[in-house]
Amino acid sequence: MSTAGNVSSETIRKYFEEHWVKKGEKD
C-alpha cells in the first residue's frame, strides 16, 4: 500500500464493479 495513487483508483473501481454487480447493485 505504498503506491496508492492511480493503481488504487483503478483496482478499487474494478473491485467495486465486480463485487457490486455480484452483490446485486445495492445503491
PDB file of N, CA and C in Angstrom:
ATOM      1  N   MET A   1       0.850  -1.204   0.000  1.00  0.00           N
ATOM      2  CA  MET A   1       0.000   0.000   0.000  1.00  0.00           C
ATOM      3  C   MET A   1       0.880   1.247   0.000  1.00  0.00           C
ATOM      4  N   SER A   2       1.887   1.201  -0.828  1.00  0.00           N
ATOM      5  CA  SER A   2       2.800   2.340  -0.895  1.00  0.00           C
ATOM      6  C   SER A   2       2.444   3.230  -2.080  1.00  0.00           C
ATOM      7  N   THR A   3       2.128   2.584  -3.193  1.00  0.00           N
ATOM      8  CA  THR A   3       1.786   3.362  -4.392  1.00  0.00           C
ATOM      9  C   THR A   3       0.274   3.496  -4.525  1.00  0.00           C
ATOM     10  N   ALA A   4      -0.331   4.037  -3.515  1.00  0.00           N
ATOM     11  CA  ALA A   4      -1.799   4.199  -3.529  1.00  0.00           C
ATOM     12  C   ALA A   4      -2.179   5.465  -4.284  1.00  0.00           C
ATOM     13  N   GLY A   5      -2.011   5.418  -5.594  1.00  0.00           N
ATOM     14  CA  GLY A   5      -2.340   6.607  -6.401  1.00  0.00           C
ATOM     15  C   GLY A   5      -3.319   6.258  -7.504  1.00  0.00           C
ATOM     16  N   ASN A   6      -2.776   5.898  -8.661  1.00  0.00           N
ATOM     17  CA  ASN A   6      -3.639   5.548  -9.788  1.00  0.00           C
ATOM     18  C   ASN A   6      -4.050   4.082  -9.711  1.00  0.00           C
ATOM     19  N   VAL A   7      -3.117   3.258  -9.290  1.00  0.00           N
ATOM     20  CA  VAL A   7      -3.396   1.822  -9.173  1.00  0.00           C
ATOM     21  C   VAL A   7      -4.578   1.600  -8.237  1.00  0.00           C
ATOM     22  N   SER A   8      -4.592   2.344  -7.141  1.00  0.00           N
ATOM     23  CA  SER A   8      -5.672   2.194  -6.159  1.00  0.00           C
ATOM     24  C   SER A   8      -7.012   2.510  -6.813  1.00  0.00           C
ATOM     25  N   SER A   9      -7.041   3.613  -7.534  1.00  0.00           N
ATOM     26  CA  SER A   9      -8.288   4.045  -8.177  1.00  0.00           C
ATOM     27  C   SER A   9      -8.764   2.973  -9.160  1.00  0.00           C
ATOM     28  N   GLU A  10      -7.859   2.505  -9.991  1.00  0.00           N
ATOM     29  CA  GLU A  10      -8.228   1.501 -10.993  1.00  0.00           C
ATOM     30  C   GLU A  10      -8.626   0.193 -10.318  1.00  0.00           C
ATOM     31  N   THR A  11      -7.820  -0.257  -9.376  1.00  0.00           N
ATOM     32  CA  THR A  11      -8.104  -1.511  -8.678  1.00  0.00           C
ATOM     33  C   THR A  11      -9.425  -1.435  -7.933  1.00  0.00           C
ATOM     34  N   ILE A  12      -9.597  -0.356  -7.188  1.00  0.00           N
ATOM     35  CA  ILE A  12     -10.832  -0.184  -6.411  1.00  0.00           C
ATOM     36  C   ILE A  12     -12.032  -0.172  -7.348  1.00  0.00           C
ATOM     37  N   ARG A  13     -11.906   0.539  -8.428  1.00  0.00           N
ATOM     38  CA  ARG A  13     -13.018   0.648  -9.379  1.00  0.00           C
ATOM     39  C   ARG A  13     -13.381  -0.742  -9.923  1.00  0.00           C
ATOM     40  N   LYS A  14     -12.386  -1.469 -10.344  1.00  0.00           N
ATOM     41  CA  LYS A  14     -12.645  -2.816 -10.881  1.00  0.00           C
ATOM     42  C   LYS A  14     -13.191  -3.716  -9.782  1.00  0.00           C
ATOM     43  N   TYR A  15     -12.610  -3.641  -8.616  1.00  0.00           N
ATOM     44  CA  TYR A  15     -13.046  -4.463  -7.485  1.00  0.00           C
ATOM     45  C   TYR A  15     -14.479  -4.126  -7.110  1.00  0.00           C
ATOM     46  N   PHE A  16     -14.774  -2.837  -7.105  1.00  0.00           N
ATOM     47  CA  PHE A  16     -16.120  -2.381  -6.762  1.00  0.00           C
ATOM     48  C   PHE A  16     -17.128  -2.883  -7.785  1.00  0.00           C
ATOM     49  N   GLU A  17     -16.844  -2.613  -9.047  1.00  0.00           N
ATOM     50  CA  GLU A  17     -17.762  -3.035 -10.118  1.00  0.00           C
ATOM     51  C   GLU A  17     -17.977  -4.540 -10.081  1.00  0.00           C
ATOM     52  N   GLU A  18     -16.904  -5.292  -9.909  1.00  0.00           N
ATOM     53  CA  GLU A  18     -17.015  -6.761  -9.893  1.00  0.00           C
ATOM     54  C   GLU A  18     -17.810  -7.234  -8.685  1.00  0.00           C
ATOM     55  N   HIS A  19     -17.581  -6.626  -7.535  1.00  0.00           N
ATOM     56  CA  HIS A  19     -18.284  -7.040  -6.321  1.00  0.00           C
ATOM     57  C   HIS A  19     -19.673  -6.426  -6.236  1.00  0.00           C
ATOM     58  N   TRP A  20     -19.796  -5.225  -6.821  1.00  0.00           N
ATOM     59  CA  TRP A  20     -21.095  -4.550  -6.781  1.00  0.00           C
ATOM     60  C   TRP A  20     -22.108  -5.332  -7.613  1.00  0.00           C
ATOM     61  N   VAL A  21     -21.722  -5.639  -8.840  1.00  0.00           N
ATOM     62  CA  VAL A  21     -22.623  -6.355  -9.746  1.00  0.00           C
ATOM     63  C   VAL A  21     -22.997  -7.713  -9.162  1.00  0.00           C
ATOM     64  N   LYS A  22     -22.073  -8.319  -8.418  1.00  0.00           N
ATOM     65  CA  LYS A  22     -22.346  -9.647  -7.845  1.00  0.00           C
ATOM     66  C   LYS A  22     -23.197  -9.537  -6.584  1.00  0.00           C
ATOM     67  N   LYS A  23     -23.123  -8.389  -5.937  1.00  0.00           N
ATOM     68  CA  LYS A  23     -23.897  -8.203  -4.696  1.00  0.00           C
ATOM     69  C   LYS A  23     -25.362  -7.907  -5.017  1.00  0.00           C
ATOM     70  N   GLY A  24     -25.603  -7.418  -6.216  1.00  0.00           N
ATOM     71  CA  GLY A  24     -26.988  -7.109  -6.579  1.00  0.00           C
ATOM     72  C   GLY A  24     -27.178  -5.608  -6.703  1.00  0.00           C
ATOM     73  N   GLU A  25     -26.095  -4.908  -6.987  1.00  0.00           N
ATOM     74  CA  GLU A  25     -26.159  -3.444  -7.143  1.00  0.00           C
ATOM     75  C   GLU A  25     -26.939  -2.806  -6.010  1.00  0.00           C
ATOM     76  N   LYS A  26     -26.356  -2.841  -4.844  1.00  0.00           N
ATOM     77  CA  LYS A  26     -27.030  -2.231  -3.666  1.00  0.00           C
ATOM     78  C   LYS A  26     -26.659  -0.763  -3.584  1.00  0.00           C
ATOM     79  N   ASP A  27     -27.464   0.079  -4.185  1.00  0.00           N
ATOM     80  CA  ASP A  27     -27.157   1.514  -4.203  1.00  0.00           C
ATOM     81  C   ASP A  27     -27.535   2.117  -2.865  1.00  0.00           C
TER      82      ASP A  27
END
